[in-house]
Amino acid sequence: AFKGLENLQTLLLRSNSLQELEVPFFLPLRSLLHLN
């Protein structure tokens, strides 16, 4: 879902009923500064 978003700095995932986080989710997000 985040492929090609290497420069993304803010990711807002508040109130999305996420039950788990998986490693591939984070791999393309190398510039992330804010994660909600």
PDB file of all heavy atoms in Angstrom:
ATOM      1  N   ALA A   1       0.812  -1.202   0.000  1.00  0.00           N
ATOM      2  CA  ALA A   1       0.000   0.000   0.000  1.00  0.00           C
ATOM      3  C   ALA A   1       0.856   1.268   0.000  1.00  0.00           C
ATOM      4  O   ALA A   1       0.424   2.285  -0.510  1.00  0.00           O
ATOM      5  CB  ALA A   1      -0.920   0.004   1.207  1.00  0.00           C
ATOM      6  N   PHE A   2       2.058   1.207   0.555  1.00  0.00           N
ATOM      7  CA  PHE A   2       2.896   2.397   0.656  1.00  0.00           C
ATOM      8  C   PHE A   2       4.068   2.373  -0.318  1.00  0.00           C
ATOM      9  O   PHE A   2       4.970   3.180  -0.205  1.00  0.00           O
ATOM     10  CB  PHE A   2       3.397   2.559   2.092  1.00  0.00           C
ATOM     11  CG  PHE A   2       2.279   2.721   3.071  1.00  0.00           C
ATOM     12  CD1 PHE A   2       1.962   1.701   3.954  1.00  0.00           C
ATOM     13  CD2 PHE A   2       1.523   3.880   3.103  1.00  0.00           C
ATOM     14  CE1 PHE A   2       0.922   1.841   4.849  1.00  0.00           C
ATOM     15  CE2 PHE A   2       0.480   4.023   3.987  1.00  0.00           C
ATOM     16  CZ  PHE A   2       0.164   3.007   4.869  1.00  0.00           C
ATOM     17  N   LYS A   3       4.027   1.471  -1.274  1.00  0.00           N
ATOM     18  CA  LYS A   3       5.095   1.384  -2.269  1.00  0.00           C
ATOM     19  C   LYS A   3       5.163   2.692  -3.051  1.00  0.00           C
ATOM     20  O   LYS A   3       4.147   3.234  -3.465  1.00  0.00           O
ATOM     21  CB  LYS A   3       4.838   0.214  -3.209  1.00  0.00           C
ATOM     22  CG  LYS A   3       5.968  -0.057  -4.162  1.00  0.00           C
ATOM     23  CD  LYS A   3       5.665  -1.279  -4.999  1.00  0.00           C
ATOM     24  CE  LYS A   3       6.821  -1.548  -5.937  1.00  0.00           C
ATOM     25  NZ  LYS A   3       6.579  -2.722  -6.766  1.00  0.00           N
ATOM     26  N   GLY A   4       6.368   3.213  -3.218  1.00  0.00           N
ATOM     27  CA  GLY A   4       6.561   4.467  -3.933  1.00  0.00           C
ATOM     28  C   GLY A   4       6.425   5.705  -3.071  1.00  0.00           C
ATOM     29  O   GLY A   4       6.501   6.818  -3.565  1.00  0.00           O
ATOM     30  N   LEU A   5       6.217   5.533  -1.781  1.00  0.00           N
ATOM     31  CA  LEU A   5       6.055   6.668  -0.870  1.00  0.00           C
ATOM     32  C   LEU A   5       7.260   6.812   0.053  1.00  0.00           C
ATOM     33  O   LEU A   5       7.116   7.096   1.240  1.00  0.00           O
ATOM     34  CB  LEU A   5       4.767   6.512  -0.055  1.00  0.00           C
ATOM     35  CG  LEU A   5       3.472   6.487  -0.866  1.00  0.00           C
ATOM     36  CD1 LEU A   5       2.282   6.228   0.037  1.00  0.00           C
ATOM     37  CD2 LEU A   5       3.288   7.794  -1.612  1.00  0.00           C
ATOM     38  N   GLU A   6       8.449   6.659  -0.492  1.00  0.00           N
ATOM     39  CA  GLU A   6       9.670   6.706   0.307  1.00  0.00           C
ATOM     40  C   GLU A   6       9.870   8.046   1.003  1.00  0.00           C
ATOM     41  O   GLU A   6      10.551   8.129   2.018  1.00  0.00           O
ATOM     42  CB  GLU A   6      10.905   6.412  -0.559  1.00  0.00           C
ATOM     43  CG  GLU A   6      10.927   5.039  -1.172  1.00  0.00           C
ATOM     44  CD  GLU A   6      10.136   4.963  -2.481  1.00  0.00           C
ATOM     45  OE1 GLU A   6       9.832   6.019  -3.066  1.00  0.00           O
ATOM     46  OE2 GLU A   6       9.806   3.835  -2.886  1.00  0.00           O
ATOM     47  N   ASN A   7       9.281   9.119   0.486  1.00  0.00           N
ATOM     48  CA  ASN A   7       9.452  10.449   1.067  1.00  0.00           C
ATOM     49  C   ASN A   7       8.324  10.851   2.018  1.00  0.00           C
ATOM     50  O   ASN A   7       8.313  11.984   2.508  1.00  0.00           O
ATOM     51  CB  ASN A   7       9.592  11.496  -0.044  1.00  0.00           C
ATOM     52  CG  ASN A   7      10.838  11.272  -0.864  1.00  0.00           C
ATOM     53  OD1 ASN A   7      11.888  10.932  -0.324  1.00  0.00           O
ATOM     54  ND2 ASN A   7      10.728  11.418  -2.162  1.00  0.00           N
ATOM     55  N   LEU A   8       7.382   9.956   2.264  1.00  0.00           N
ATOM     56  CA  LEU A   8       6.274  10.244   3.174  1.00  0.00           C
ATOM     57  C   LEU A   8       6.818  10.557   4.567  1.00  0.00           C
ATOM     58  O   LEU A   8       7.606   9.802   5.119  1.00  0.00           O
ATOM     59  CB  LEU A   8       5.329   9.050   3.240  1.00  0.00           C
ATOM     60  CG  LEU A   8       4.052   9.253   4.050  1.00  0.00           C
ATOM     61  CD1 LEU A   8       3.135  10.234   3.321  1.00  0.00           C
ATOM     62  CD2 LEU A   8       3.348   7.927   4.247  1.00  0.00           C
ATOM     63  N   GLN A   9       6.396  11.675   5.153  1.00  0.00           N
ATOM     64  CA  GLN A   9       6.902  12.085   6.457  1.00  0.00           C
ATOM     65  C   GLN A   9       5.869  11.937   7.563  1.00  0.00           C
ATOM     66  O   GLN A   9       6.232  11.766   8.723  1.00  0.00           O
ATOM     67  CB  GLN A   9       7.406  13.520   6.399  1.00  0.00           C
ATOM     68  CG  GLN A   9       8.618  13.666   5.518  1.00  0.00           C
ATOM     69  CD  GLN A   9       9.161  15.075   5.532  1.00  0.00           C
ATOM     70  OE1 GLN A   9       8.605  15.979   6.129  1.00  0.00           O
ATOM     71  NE2 GLN A   9      10.281  15.262   4.867  1.00  0.00           N
ATOM     72  N   THR A  10       4.591  12.025   7.247  1.00  0.00           N
ATOM     73  CA  THR A  10       3.533  11.918   8.243  1.00  0.00           C
ATOM     74  C   THR A  10       2.531  10.867   7.805  1.00  0.00           C
ATOM     75  O   THR A  10       2.035  10.912   6.678  1.00  0.00           O
ATOM     76  CB  THR A  10       2.811  13.271   8.422  1.00  0.00           C
ATOM     77  OG1 THR A  10       3.765  14.247   8.851  1.00  0.00           O
ATOM     78  CG2 THR A  10       1.710  13.173   9.453  1.00  0.00           C
ATOM     79  N   LEU A  11       2.233   9.930   8.702  1.00  0.00           N
ATOM     80  CA  LEU A  11       1.258   8.882   8.419  1.00  0.00           C
ATOM     81  C   LEU A  11       0.253   8.844   9.564  1.00  0.00           C
ATOM     82  O   LEU A  11       0.612   8.561  10.707  1.00  0.00           O
ATOM     83  CB  LEU A  11       1.949   7.525   8.254  1.00  0.00           C
ATOM     84  CG  LEU A  11       1.059   6.343   7.892  1.00  0.00           C
ATOM     85  CD1 LEU A  11       0.272   6.609   6.604  1.00  0.00           C
ATOM     86  CD2 LEU A  11       1.879   5.083   7.773  1.00  0.00           C
ATOM     87  N   LEU A  12      -0.995   9.160   9.249  1.00  0.00           N
ATOM     88  CA  LEU A  12      -2.063   9.213  10.242  1.00  0.00           C
ATOM     89  C   LEU A  12      -2.959   7.992  10.073  1.00  0.00           C
ATOM     90  O   LEU A  12      -3.728   7.912   9.114  1.00  0.00           O
ATOM     91  CB  LEU A  12      -2.879  10.502  10.077  1.00  0.00           C
ATOM     92  CG  LEU A  12      -2.076  11.798  10.072  1.00  0.00           C
ATOM     93  CD1 LEU A  12      -2.967  12.985   9.759  1.00  0.00           C
ATOM     94  CD2 LEU A  12      -1.349  11.983  11.384  1.00  0.00           C
ATOM     95  N   LEU A  13      -2.836   7.048  10.993  1.00  0.00           N
ATOM     96  CA  LEU A  13      -3.640   5.830  10.959  1.00  0.00           C
ATOM     97  C   LEU A  13      -4.514   5.725  12.206  1.00  0.00           C
ATOM     98  O   LEU A  13      -4.879   4.633  12.630  1.00  0.00           O
ATOM     99  CB  LEU A  13      -2.729   4.606  10.830  1.00  0.00           C
ATOM    100  CG  LEU A  13      -1.974   4.505   9.515  1.00  0.00           C
ATOM    101  CD1 LEU A  13      -0.973   3.362   9.551  1.00  0.00           C
ATOM    102  CD2 LEU A  13      -2.945   4.329   8.350  1.00  0.00           C
ATOM    103  N   ARG A  14      -4.853   6.842  12.775  1.00  0.00           N
ATOM    104  CA  ARG A  14      -5.669   6.903  13.982  1.00  0.00           C
ATOM    105  C   ARG A  14      -7.071   6.357  13.701  1.00  0.00           C
ATOM    106  O   ARG A  14      -7.655   6.605  12.645  1.00  0.00           O
ATOM    107  CB  ARG A  14      -5.756   8.356  14.432  1.00  0.00           C
ATOM    108  CG  ARG A  14      -6.578   8.556  15.644  1.00  0.00           C
ATOM    109  CD  ARG A  14      -6.669  10.020  15.989  1.00  0.00           C
ATOM    110  NE  ARG A  14      -7.441  10.132  17.215  1.00  0.00           N
ATOM    111  CZ  ARG A  14      -7.157  10.933  18.199  1.00  0.00           C
ATOM    112  NH1 ARG A  14      -6.137  11.750  18.096  1.00  0.00           N
ATOM    113  NH2 ARG A  14      -7.886  10.948  19.277  1.00  0.00           N
ATOM    114  N   SER A  15      -7.585   5.593  14.657  1.00  0.00           N
ATOM    115  CA  SER A  15      -8.972   5.099  14.626  1.00  0.00           C
ATOM    116  C   SER A  15      -9.291   4.300  13.371  1.00  0.00           C
ATOM    117  O   SER A  15     -10.311   4.521  12.719  1.00  0.00           O
ATOM    118  CB  SER A  15      -9.947   6.283  14.773  1.00  0.00           C
ATOM    119  OG  SER A  15      -9.700   6.986  15.970  1.00  0.00           O
ATOM    120  N   ASN A  16      -8.438   3.350  13.041  1.00  0.00           N
ATOM    121  CA  ASN A  16      -8.655   2.500  11.874  1.00  0.00           C
ATOM    122  C   ASN A  16      -8.865   1.031  12.228  1.00  0.00           C
ATOM    123  O   ASN A  16      -8.816   0.179  11.350  1.00  0.00           O
ATOM    124  CB  ASN A  16      -7.469   2.620  10.906  1.00  0.00           C
ATOM    125  CG  ASN A  16      -7.588   3.822  10.023  1.00  0.00           C
ATOM    126  OD1 ASN A  16      -8.421   3.862   9.128  1.00  0.00           O
ATOM    127  ND2 ASN A  16      -6.770   4.829  10.265  1.00  0.00           N
ATOM    128  N   SER A  17      -9.036   0.723  13.482  1.00  0.00           N
ATOM    129  CA  SER A  17      -9.265  -0.652  13.946  1.00  0.00           C
ATOM    130  C   SER A  17      -8.126  -1.598  13.583  1.00  0.00           C
ATOM    131  O   SER A  17      -8.335  -2.797  13.402  1.00  0.00           O
ATOM    132  CB  SER A  17     -10.595  -1.202  13.401  1.00  0.00           C
ATOM    133  OG  SER A  17     -11.665  -0.395  13.815  1.00  0.00           O
ATOM    134  N   LEU A  18      -6.889  -1.064  13.458  1.00  0.00           N
ATOM    135  CA  LEU A  18      -5.732  -1.918  13.163  1.00  0.00           C
ATOM    136  C   LEU A  18      -5.482  -2.859  14.332  1.00  0.00           C
ATOM    137  O   LEU A  18      -5.424  -2.435  15.483  1.00  0.00           O
ATOM    138  CB  LEU A  18      -4.490  -1.066  12.922  1.00  0.00           C
ATOM    139  CG  LEU A  18      -4.522  -0.139  11.721  1.00  0.00           C
ATOM    140  CD1 LEU A  18      -3.267   0.722  11.684  1.00  0.00           C
ATOM    141  CD2 LEU A  18      -4.677  -0.927  10.438  1.00  0.00           C
ATOM    142  N   GLN A  19      -5.332  -4.145  14.045  1.00  0.00           N
ATOM    143  CA  GLN A  19      -5.098  -5.145  15.078  1.00  0.00           C
ATOM    144  C   GLN A  19      -3.643  -5.552  15.172  1.00  0.00           C
ATOM    145  O   GLN A  19      -3.217  -6.069  16.203  1.00  0.00           O
ATOM    146  CB  GLN A  19      -5.969  -6.366  14.822  1.00  0.00           C
ATOM    147  CG  GLN A  19      -7.440  -6.065  14.926  1.00  0.00           C
ATOM    148  CD  GLN A  19      -8.300  -7.284  14.653  1.00  0.00           C
ATOM    149  OE1 GLN A  19      -7.805  -8.377  14.406  1.00  0.00           O
ATOM    150  NE2 GLN A  19      -9.592  -7.090  14.691  1.00  0.00           N
ATOM    151  N   GLU A  20      -2.886  -5.362  14.099  1.00  0.00           N
ATOM    152  CA  GLU A  20      -1.470  -5.711  14.113  1.00  0.00           C
ATOM    153  C   GLU A  20      -0.716  -4.899  13.075  1.00  0.00           C
ATOM    154  O   GLU A  20      -1.303  -4.362  12.140  1.00  0.00           O
ATOM    155  CB  GLU A  20      -1.264  -7.203  13.882  1.00  0.00           C
ATOM    156  CG  GLU A  20      -1.708  -7.685  12.521  1.00  0.00           C
ATOM    157  CD  GLU A  20      -1.514  -9.179  12.337  1.00  0.00           C
ATOM    158  OE1 GLU A  20      -0.455  -9.699  12.739  1.00  0.00           O
ATOM    159  OE2 GLU A  20      -2.418  -9.816  11.791  1.00  0.00           O
ATOM    160  N   LEU A  21       0.584  -4.818  13.281  1.00  0.00           N
ATOM    161  CA  LEU A  21       1.469  -4.148  12.341  1.00  0.00           C
ATOM    162  C   LEU A  21       2.437  -5.178  11.808  1.00  0.00           C
ATOM    163  O   LEU A  21       2.943  -6.002  12.561  1.00  0.00           O
ATOM    164  CB  LEU A  21       2.247  -3.028  13.043  1.00  0.00           C
ATOM    165  CG  LEU A  21       1.410  -1.947  13.702  1.00  0.00           C
ATOM    166  CD1 LEU A  21       2.308  -1.014  14.485  1.00  0.00           C
ATOM    167  CD2 LEU A  21       0.612  -1.179  12.662  1.00  0.00           C
ATOM    168  N   GLU A  22       2.694  -5.142  10.516  1.00  0.00           N
ATOM    169  CA  GLU A  22       3.595  -6.103   9.908  1.00  0.00           C
ATOM    170  C   GLU A  22       4.831  -5.399   9.381  1.00  0.00           C
ATOM    171  O   GLU A  22       4.771  -4.253   8.946  1.00  0.00           O
ATOM    172  CB  GLU A  22       2.878  -6.866   8.799  1.00  0.00           C
ATOM    173  CG  GLU A  22       1.714  -7.698   9.329  1.00  0.00           C
ATOM    174  CD  GLU A  22       1.038  -8.511   8.243  1.00  0.00           C
ATOM    175  OE1 GLU A  22       1.598  -8.628   7.144  1.00  0.00           O
ATOM    176  OE2 GLU A  22      -0.051  -9.033   8.515  1.00  0.00           O
ATOM    177  N   VAL A  23       5.959  -6.094   9.399  1.00  0.00           N
ATOM    178  CA  VAL A  23       7.241  -5.532   8.983  1.00  0.00           C
ATOM    179  C   VAL A  23       7.186  -4.924   7.585  1.00  0.00           C
ATOM    180  O   VAL A  23       7.656  -3.805   7.382  1.00  0.00           O
ATOM    181  CB  VAL A  23       8.364  -6.584   9.103  1.00  0.00           C
ATOM    182  CG1 VAL A  23       9.651  -6.075   8.501  1.00  0.00           C
ATOM    183  CG2 VAL A  23       8.555  -6.969  10.562  1.00  0.00           C
ATOM    184  N   PRO A  24       6.612  -5.583   6.574  1.00  0.00           N
ATOM    185  CA  PRO A  24       6.600  -4.985   5.233  1.00  0.00           C
ATOM    186  C   PRO A  24       5.928  -3.612   5.185  1.00  0.00           C
ATOM    187  O   PRO A  24       6.236  -2.795   4.342  1.00  0.00           O
ATOM    188  CB  PRO A  24       5.824  -5.999   4.389  1.00  0.00           C
ATOM    189  CG  PRO A  24       6.010  -7.293   5.097  1.00  0.00           C
ATOM    190  CD  PRO A  24       6.049  -6.932   6.568  1.00  0.00           C
ATOM    191  N   PHE A  25       5.034  -3.361   6.117  1.00  0.00           N
ATOM    192  CA  PHE A  25       4.361  -2.069   6.222  1.00  0.00           C
ATOM    193  C   PHE A  25       5.376  -0.935   6.379  1.00  0.00           C
ATOM    194  O   PHE A  25       5.253   0.123   5.773  1.00  0.00           O
ATOM    195  CB  PHE A  25       3.408  -2.129   7.427  1.00  0.00           C
ATOM    196  CG  PHE A  25       2.894  -0.807   7.907  1.00  0.00           C
ATOM    197  CD1 PHE A  25       1.815  -0.219   7.280  1.00  0.00           C
ATOM    198  CD2 PHE A  25       3.480  -0.170   8.982  1.00  0.00           C
ATOM    199  CE1 PHE A  25       1.328   0.995   7.731  1.00  0.00           C
ATOM    200  CE2 PHE A  25       3.003   1.040   9.433  1.00  0.00           C
ATOM    201  CZ  PHE A  25       1.913   1.626   8.806  1.00  0.00           C
ATOM    202  N   PHE A  26       6.409  -1.150   7.192  1.00  0.00           N
ATOM    203  CA  PHE A  26       7.365  -0.104   7.513  1.00  0.00           C
ATOM    204  C   PHE A  26       8.529   0.024   6.535  1.00  0.00           C
ATOM    205  O   PHE A  26       9.149   1.073   6.460  1.00  0.00           O
ATOM    206  CB  PHE A  26       7.954  -0.339   8.910  1.00  0.00           C
ATOM    207  CG  PHE A  26       7.012   0.016  10.003  1.00  0.00           C
ATOM    208  CD1 PHE A  26       6.247  -0.959  10.609  1.00  0.00           C
ATOM    209  CD2 PHE A  26       6.876   1.321  10.431  1.00  0.00           C
ATOM    210  CE1 PHE A  26       5.360  -0.641  11.619  1.00  0.00           C
ATOM    211  CE2 PHE A  26       5.997   1.655  11.435  1.00  0.00           C
ATOM    212  CZ  PHE A  26       5.231   0.668  12.031  1.00  0.00           C
ATOM    213  N   LEU A  27       8.825  -1.007   5.815  1.00  0.00           N
ATOM    214  CA  LEU A  27      10.039  -1.009   4.998  1.00  0.00           C
ATOM    215  C   LEU A  27      10.139   0.132   3.985  1.00  0.00           C
ATOM    216  O   LEU A  27      11.197   0.745   3.871  1.00  0.00           O
ATOM    217  CB  LEU A  27      10.224  -2.364   4.332  1.00  0.00           C
ATOM    218  CG  LEU A  27      10.485  -3.510   5.314  1.00  0.00           C
ATOM    219  CD1 LEU A  27      10.629  -4.826   4.563  1.00  0.00           C
ATOM    220  CD2 LEU A  27      11.694  -3.249   6.183  1.00  0.00           C
ATOM    221  N   PRO A  28       9.078   0.480   3.250  1.00  0.00           N
ATOM    222  CA  PRO A  28       9.235   1.582   2.291  1.00  0.00           C
ATOM    223  C   PRO A  28       9.182   2.973   2.925  1.00  0.00           C
ATOM    224  O   PRO A  28       9.468   3.967   2.265  1.00  0.00           O
ATOM    225  CB  PRO A  28       8.056   1.389   1.327  1.00  0.00           C
ATOM    226  CG  PRO A  28       7.061   0.601   2.060  1.00  0.00           C
ATOM    227  CD  PRO A  28       7.809  -0.201   3.085  1.00  0.00           C
ATOM    228  N   LEU A  29       8.856   3.069   4.199  1.00  0.00           N
ATOM    229  CA  LEU A  29       8.634   4.364   4.857  1.00  0.00           C
ATOM    230  C   LEU A  29       9.897   4.859   5.555  1.00  0.00           C
ATOM    231  O   LEU A  29       9.914   5.103   6.759  1.00  0.00           O
ATOM    232  CB  LEU A  29       7.471   4.249   5.848  1.00  0.00           C
ATOM    233  CG  LEU A  29       6.152   3.777   5.243  1.00  0.00           C
ATOM    234  CD1 LEU A  29       5.108   3.572   6.323  1.00  0.00           C
ATOM    235  CD2 LEU A  29       5.652   4.746   4.194  1.00  0.00           C
ATOM    236  N   ARG A  30      10.939   5.086   4.809  1.00  0.00           N
ATOM    237  CA  ARG A  30      12.244   5.461   5.364  1.00  0.00           C
ATOM    238  C   ARG A  30      12.324   6.906   5.828  1.00  0.00           C
ATOM    239  O   ARG A  30      13.191   7.252   6.611  1.00  0.00           O
ATOM    240  CB  ARG A  30      13.328   5.198   4.332  1.00  0.00           C
ATOM    241  CG  ARG A  30      13.337   3.767   3.836  1.00  0.00           C
ATOM    242  CD  ARG A  30      14.642   3.111   4.157  1.00  0.00           C
ATOM    243  NE  ARG A  30      14.666   1.755   3.643  1.00  0.00           N
ATOM    244  CZ  ARG A  30      14.719   0.712   4.438  1.00  0.00           C
ATOM    245  NH1 ARG A  30      14.749   0.860   5.728  1.00  0.00           N
ATOM    246  NH2 ARG A  30      14.762  -0.502   3.930  1.00  0.00           N
ATOM    247  N   SER A  31      11.445   7.788   5.369  1.00  0.00           N
ATOM    248  CA  SER A  31      11.497   9.210   5.726  1.00  0.00           C
ATOM    249  C   SER A  31      10.460   9.596   6.770  1.00  0.00           C
ATOM    250  O   SER A  31      10.284  10.775   7.065  1.00  0.00           O
ATOM    251  CB  SER A  31      11.283  10.069   4.469  1.00  0.00           C
ATOM    252  OG  SER A  31      12.280   9.818   3.521  1.00  0.00           O
ATOM    253  N   LEU A  32       9.774   8.616   7.325  1.00  0.00           N
ATOM    254  CA  LEU A  32       8.669   8.887   8.243  1.00  0.00           C
ATOM    255  C   LEU A  32       9.149   9.608   9.501  1.00  0.00           C
ATOM    256  O   LEU A  32      10.102   9.185  10.158  1.00  0.00           O
ATOM    257  CB  LEU A  32       7.991   7.569   8.614  1.00  0.00           C
ATOM    258  CG  LEU A  32       6.535   7.633   9.057  1.00  0.00           C
ATOM    259  CD1 LEU A  32       5.671   8.293   8.010  1.00  0.00           C
ATOM    260  CD2 LEU A  32       6.024   6.236   9.330  1.00  0.00           C
ATOM    261  N   LEU A  33       8.492  10.718   9.828  1.00  0.00           N
ATOM    262  CA  LEU A  33       8.810  11.501  11.027  1.00  0.00           C
ATOM    263  C   LEU A  33       7.689  11.447  12.058  1.00  0.00           C
ATOM    264  O   LEU A  33       7.934  11.582  13.246  1.00  0.00           O
ATOM    265  CB  LEU A  33       9.064  12.970  10.657  1.00  0.00           C
ATOM    266  CG  LEU A  33      10.222  13.230   9.706  1.00  0.00           C
ATOM    267  CD1 LEU A  33      10.256  14.700   9.311  1.00  0.00           C
ATOM    268  CD2 LEU A  33      11.529  12.794  10.336  1.00  0.00           C
ATOM    269  N   HIS A  34       6.455  11.271  11.604  1.00  0.00           N
ATOM    270  CA  HIS A  34       5.282  11.241  12.479  1.00  0.00           C
ATOM    271  C   HIS A  34       4.426  10.028  12.136  1.00  0.00           C
ATOM    272  O   HIS A  34       4.030   9.869  10.976  1.00  0.00           O
ATOM    273  CB  HIS A  34       4.433  12.500  12.298  1.00  0.00           C
ATOM    274  CG  HIS A  34       5.169  13.761  12.574  1.00  0.00           C
ATOM    275  ND1 HIS A  34       5.823  14.453  11.592  1.00  0.00           N
ATOM    276  CD2 HIS A  34       5.360  14.438  13.722  1.00  0.00           C
ATOM    277  CE1 HIS A  34       6.391  15.518  12.118  1.00  0.00           C
ATOM    278  NE2 HIS A  34       6.129  15.533  13.421  1.00  0.00           N
ATOM    279  N   LEU A  35       4.128   9.213  13.141  1.00  0.00           N
ATOM    280  CA  LEU A  35       3.266   8.048  12.962  1.00  0.00           C
ATOM    281  C   LEU A  35       2.208   8.063  14.053  1.00  0.00           C
ATOM    282  O   LEU A  35       2.521   8.004  15.237  1.00  0.00           O
ATOM    283  CB  LEU A  35       4.081   6.750  13.032  1.00  0.00           C
ATOM    284  CG  LEU A  35       3.290   5.448  12.943  1.00  0.00           C
ATOM    285  CD1 LEU A  35       2.535   5.347  11.617  1.00  0.00           C
ATOM    286  CD2 LEU A  35       4.214   4.254  13.140  1.00  0.00           C
ATOM    287  N   ASN A  36       0.955   8.181  13.649  1.00  0.00           N
ATOM    288  CA  ASN A  36      -0.150   8.202  14.601  1.00  0.00           C
ATOM    289  C   ASN A  36      -0.925   6.898  14.491  1.00  0.00           C
ATOM    290  O   ASN A  36      -1.586   6.637  13.492  1.00  0.00           O
ATOM    291  CB  ASN A  36      -1.058   9.397  14.327  1.00  0.00           C
ATOM    292  CG  ASN A  36      -2.130   9.562  15.382  1.00  0.00           C
ATOM    293  OD1 ASN A  36      -2.548   8.607  16.010  1.00  0.00           O
ATOM    294  ND2 ASN A  36      -2.589  10.784  15.563  1.00  0.00           N
TER     295      ASN A  36
END
